[in-house]
Structure formats: C-alpha cells, structure tokens
Amino acid sequence: MKDRLKEIGKNPDDADERKALEAYSKLMDQQVATKTRQNKAHEELEAKIDAKYPTLTEAEVKTLVVEAKWLAALDAALHGELDRVSQTLTTRVKELADRYATPLPKLTERVVELEQRVNGHLERMGFQWN
C-alpha cells in the first residue's frame, strides 16, 4: 500500500485512489492500536483473575461452579429439549391436520364414484362378476 502511495505521488489523475489508500492506512493503524489495547486489557483481566482465585472461599467456589456453570448448562439443555419436543409436536399436528382435512363422508362419496367408474370400465372390457 505504501509502495503504491509512493508510486502515485501527487499525480492529480490518481487523487481518488490516493485518498482511498490514505483513509485505508489510517483505518489499519486504528485497528492495530485497538488490538493492542484489547490485548493489554485481556492481560490485565487475566492478572486480576489469577489474583482473585486464591482468595475465593469454598462457598464462593460452589456458587461459581453450581450457579454459573452447572445451572447454565442445565438451562441450555432443557431449553434445547423443549424446543425439539415443541417442533416435533408441531410437525405431528400438521401431519394429522393434513391427513384428516377431508371429512369421512366426502371420502366415502369419492370411493363410491371411483368404484362406479371402475365397474363401468370392467363391464366395457367384458368382465362379469357378482
């Protein structure tokens, strides 16, 4: 990028490209500074955590383990299972609604119509039964 800026120089034909490259360069510098601050803050947090652990009481440790980790894991698992069961029930109800959308009298009527058509075709073909 810096090589391209040197190559462009003060050429007025490349003014837009120069502006874009300079803006990009500033953003990249800001990103580096932000990452440096983030890393420093993370290191400070780690140091504070390392200093706090030896001072925790047994009750505080139990609270952290049970409430913060175990209960959160159970809550997530429970909600996942409830979502799965809910989706399964919804799918099953939809299947049943689709299956029983047509009432039995209409189905019976349709069967009678189709039976008459089949019988008519069979008679024209010369089949006899009874």
C-alpha atoms as a PDB file:
ATOM      1  CA  MET A   1       0.000   0.000   0.000  1.00  0.00           C
ATOM      2  CA  LYS A   2       2.804   2.443   0.908  1.00  0.00           C
ATOM      3  CA  ASP A   3       4.594   1.474  -2.289  1.00  0.00           C
ATOM      4  CA  ARG A   4       1.502   2.343  -4.284  1.00  0.00           C
ATOM      5  CA  LEU A   5       1.205   5.705  -2.492  1.00  0.00           C
ATOM      6  CA  LYS A   6       4.826   6.490  -3.419  1.00  0.00           C
ATOM      7  CA  GLU A   7       4.145   5.366  -6.985  1.00  0.00           C
ATOM      8  CA  ILE A   8       1.085   7.611  -7.254  1.00  0.00           C
ATOM      9  CA  GLY A   9       2.854  10.591  -5.692  1.00  0.00           C
ATOM     10  CA  LYS A  10       1.000  13.862  -6.239  1.00  0.00           C
ATOM     11  CA  ASN A  11      -0.420  12.863  -9.623  1.00  0.00           C
ATOM     12  CA  PRO A  12      -3.811  14.644  -9.874  1.00  0.00           C
ATOM     13  CA  ASP A  13      -5.231  11.823 -12.007  1.00  0.00           C
ATOM     14  CA  ASP A  14      -4.857   9.398  -9.075  1.00  0.00           C
ATOM     15  CA  ALA A  15      -6.209  11.737  -6.381  1.00  0.00           C
ATOM     16  CA  ASP A  16      -9.219   9.499  -5.599  1.00  0.00           C
ATOM     17  CA  GLU A  17      -7.068   6.414  -5.260  1.00  0.00           C
ATOM     18  CA  ARG A  18      -4.605   8.311  -3.035  1.00  0.00           C
ATOM     19  CA  LYS A  19      -7.456   9.471  -0.752  1.00  0.00           C
ATOM     20  CA  ALA A  20      -8.828   5.940  -0.522  1.00  0.00           C
ATOM     21  CA  LEU A  21      -5.386   4.476   0.260  1.00  0.00           C
ATOM     22  CA  GLU A  22      -4.684   7.132   2.900  1.00  0.00           C
ATOM     23  CA  ALA A  23      -8.065   6.506   4.541  1.00  0.00           C
ATOM     24  CA  TYR A  24      -7.419   2.767   4.465  1.00  0.00           C
ATOM     25  CA  SER A  25      -3.978   3.304   6.006  1.00  0.00           C
ATOM     26  CA  LYS A  26      -5.492   5.327   8.859  1.00  0.00           C
ATOM     27  CA  LEU A  27      -8.077   2.619   9.482  1.00  0.00           C
ATOM     28  CA  MET A  28      -5.400  -0.067   9.543  1.00  0.00           C
ATOM     29  CA  ASP A  29      -3.389   1.981  12.080  1.00  0.00           C
ATOM     30  CA  GLN A  30      -6.520   2.355  14.223  1.00  0.00           C
ATOM     31  CA  GLN A  31      -7.135  -1.380  14.027  1.00  0.00           C
ATOM     32  CA  VAL A  32      -3.603  -2.152  15.201  1.00  0.00           C
ATOM     33  CA  ALA A  33      -3.973   0.306  18.092  1.00  0.00           C
ATOM     34  CA  THR A  34      -7.334  -1.180  19.051  1.00  0.00           C
ATOM     35  CA  LYS A  35      -5.981  -4.729  19.008  1.00  0.00           C
ATOM     36  CA  THR A  36      -3.042  -3.624  21.163  1.00  0.00           C
ATOM     37  CA  ARG A  37      -5.419  -2.056  23.713  1.00  0.00           C
ATOM     38  CA  GLN A  38      -7.617  -5.170  23.621  1.00  0.00           C
ATOM     39  CA  ASN A  39      -4.641  -7.464  24.271  1.00  0.00           C
ATOM     40  CA  LYS A  40      -3.443  -5.259  27.128  1.00  0.00           C
ATOM     41  CA  ALA A  41      -6.928  -5.237  28.695  1.00  0.00           C
ATOM     42  CA  HIS A  42      -7.156  -9.016  28.324  1.00  0.00           C
ATOM     43  CA  GLU A  43      -3.796  -9.470  30.047  1.00  0.00           C
ATOM     44  CA  GLU A  44      -4.881  -7.162  32.885  1.00  0.00           C
ATOM     45  CA  LEU A  45      -8.105  -9.136  33.290  1.00  0.00           C
ATOM     46  CA  GLU A  46      -6.189 -12.408  33.389  1.00  0.00           C
ATOM     47  CA  ALA A  47      -3.885 -10.981  36.072  1.00  0.00           C
ATOM     48  CA  LYS A  48      -6.877  -9.858  38.166  1.00  0.00           C
ATOM     49  CA  ILE A  49      -8.469 -13.311  37.802  1.00  0.00           C
ATOM     50  CA  ASP A  50      -5.225 -15.020  38.818  1.00  0.00           C
ATOM     51  CA  ALA A  51      -5.039 -12.758  41.885  1.00  0.00           C
ATOM     52  CA  LYS A  52      -8.688 -13.384  42.842  1.00  0.00           C
ATOM     53  CA  TYR A  53      -8.724 -17.212  42.641  1.00  0.00           C
ATOM     54  CA  PRO A  54      -6.620 -17.856  45.786  1.00  0.00           C
ATOM     55  CA  THR A  55      -8.888 -15.597  47.855  1.00  0.00           C
ATOM     56  CA  LEU A  56     -12.152 -17.362  46.991  1.00  0.00           C
ATOM     57  CA  THR A  57     -13.947 -19.126  49.825  1.00  0.00           C
ATOM     58  CA  GLU A  58     -15.405 -22.600  49.467  1.00  0.00           C
ATOM     59  CA  ALA A  59     -18.917 -21.145  49.353  1.00  0.00           C
ATOM     60  CA  GLU A  60     -17.931 -18.767  46.544  1.00  0.00           C
ATOM     61  CA  VAL A  61     -16.370 -21.624  44.585  1.00  0.00           C
ATOM     62  CA  LYS A  62     -19.531 -23.699  44.993  1.00  0.00           C
ATOM     63  CA  THR A  63     -21.632 -20.747  43.862  1.00  0.00           C
ATOM     64  CA  LEU A  64     -19.475 -20.249  40.789  1.00  0.00           C
ATOM     65  CA  VAL A  65     -19.493 -23.919  39.867  1.00  0.00           C
ATOM     66  CA  VAL A  66     -23.136 -24.706  40.594  1.00  0.00           C
ATOM     67  CA  GLU A  67     -24.913 -21.499  39.660  1.00  0.00           C
ATOM     68  CA  ALA A  68     -22.715 -20.093  36.941  1.00  0.00           C
ATOM     69  CA  LYS A  69     -21.755 -23.279  35.130  1.00  0.00           C
ATOM     70  CA  TRP A  70     -23.910 -26.245  36.066  1.00  0.00           C
ATOM     71  CA  LEU A  71     -27.250 -24.447  36.192  1.00  0.00           C
ATOM     72  CA  ALA A  72     -26.488 -22.562  32.979  1.00  0.00           C
ATOM     73  CA  ALA A  73     -25.646 -25.832  31.223  1.00  0.00           C
ATOM     74  CA  LEU A  74     -28.844 -27.460  32.520  1.00  0.00           C
ATOM     75  CA  ASP A  75     -30.898 -24.451  31.466  1.00  0.00           C
ATOM     76  CA  ALA A  76     -29.454 -24.560  27.933  1.00  0.00           C
ATOM     77  CA  ALA A  77     -30.006 -28.317  27.650  1.00  0.00           C
ATOM     78  CA  LEU A  78     -33.574 -28.040  28.954  1.00  0.00           C
ATOM     79  CA  HIS A  79     -34.495 -25.257  26.556  1.00  0.00           C
ATOM     80  CA  GLY A  80     -32.968 -27.199  23.675  1.00  0.00           C
ATOM     81  CA  GLU A  81     -35.009 -30.280  24.548  1.00  0.00           C
ATOM     82  CA  LEU A  82     -38.204 -28.228  24.938  1.00  0.00           C
ATOM     83  CA  ASP A  83     -37.634 -26.646  21.530  1.00  0.00           C
ATOM     84  CA  ARG A  84     -37.068 -30.074  19.965  1.00  0.00           C
ATOM     85  CA  VAL A  85     -40.232 -31.547  21.528  1.00  0.00           C
ATOM     86  CA  SER A  86     -42.251 -28.487  20.542  1.00  0.00           C
ATOM     87  CA  GLN A  87     -41.089 -28.753  16.924  1.00  0.00           C
ATOM     88  CA  THR A  88     -41.854 -32.471  16.851  1.00  0.00           C
ATOM     89  CA  LEU A  89     -45.365 -31.918  18.200  1.00  0.00           C
ATOM     90  CA  THR A  90     -45.995 -29.088  15.756  1.00  0.00           C
ATOM     91  CA  THR A  91     -44.899 -31.256  12.848  1.00  0.00           C
ATOM     92  CA  ARG A  92     -47.090 -34.151  14.007  1.00  0.00           C
ATOM     93  CA  VAL A  93     -50.154 -31.917  14.470  1.00  0.00           C
ATOM     94  CA  LYS A  94     -49.660 -30.531  10.960  1.00  0.00           C
ATOM     95  CA  GLU A  95     -49.394 -34.061   9.536  1.00  0.00           C
ATOM     96  CA  LEU A  96     -52.609 -35.078  11.290  1.00  0.00           C
ATOM     97  CA  ALA A  97     -54.403 -31.925  10.135  1.00  0.00           C
ATOM     98  CA  ASP A  98     -53.365 -32.638   6.548  1.00  0.00           C
ATOM     99  CA  ARG A  99     -54.381 -36.298   6.835  1.00  0.00           C
ATOM    100  CA  TYR A 100     -57.831 -35.588   8.280  1.00  0.00           C
ATOM    101  CA  ALA A 101     -58.598 -32.395   6.338  1.00  0.00           C
ATOM    102  CA  THR A 102     -61.160 -34.228   4.178  1.00  0.00           C
ATOM    103  CA  PRO A 103     -64.183 -35.484   6.203  1.00  0.00           C
ATOM    104  CA  LEU A 104     -65.153 -39.171   6.081  1.00  0.00           C
ATOM    105  CA  PRO A 105     -68.487 -38.635   4.246  1.00  0.00           C
ATOM    106  CA  LYS A 106     -66.646 -36.903   1.371  1.00  0.00           C
ATOM    107  CA  LEU A 107     -64.093 -39.715   1.236  1.00  0.00           C
ATOM    108  CA  THR A 108     -66.879 -42.306   1.196  1.00  0.00           C
ATOM    109  CA  GLU A 109     -68.629 -40.399  -1.584  1.00  0.00           C
ATOM    110  CA  ARG A 110     -65.408 -40.275  -3.605  1.00  0.00           C
ATOM    111  CA  VAL A 111     -64.877 -44.021  -3.140  1.00  0.00           C
ATOM    112  CA  VAL A 112     -68.394 -44.719  -4.455  1.00  0.00           C
ATOM    113  CA  GLU A 113     -67.731 -42.531  -7.532  1.00  0.00           C
ATOM    114  CA  LEU A 114     -64.447 -44.266  -8.261  1.00  0.00           C
ATOM    115  CA  GLU A 115     -65.986 -47.710  -7.725  1.00  0.00           C
ATOM    116  CA  GLN A 116     -68.695 -46.922 -10.291  1.00  0.00           C
ATOM    117  CA  ARG A 117     -66.063 -45.754 -12.790  1.00  0.00           C
ATOM    118  CA  VAL A 118     -64.018 -48.927 -12.335  1.00  0.00           C
ATOM    119  CA  ASN A 119     -67.115 -51.096 -12.657  1.00  0.00           C
ATOM    120  CA  GLY A 120     -68.068 -49.259 -15.880  1.00  0.00           C
ATOM    121  CA  HIS A 121     -64.579 -49.846 -17.318  1.00  0.00           C
ATOM    122  CA  LEU A 122     -64.644 -53.522 -16.326  1.00  0.00           C
ATOM    123  CA  GLU A 123     -68.081 -54.046 -17.948  1.00  0.00           C
ATOM    124  CA  ARG A 124     -66.870 -52.456 -21.202  1.00  0.00           C
ATOM    125  CA  MET A 125     -63.899 -54.798 -21.128  1.00  0.00           C
ATOM    126  CA  GLY A 126     -66.285 -57.745 -20.867  1.00  0.00           C
ATOM    127  CA  PHE A 127     -65.714 -58.793 -17.275  1.00  0.00           C
ATOM    128  CA  GLN A 128     -68.670 -60.192 -15.349  1.00  0.00           C
ATOM    129  CA  TRP A 129     -68.882 -60.734 -11.598  1.00  0.00           C
ATOM    130  CA  ASN A 130     -71.358 -60.994  -8.750  1.00  0.00           C
END
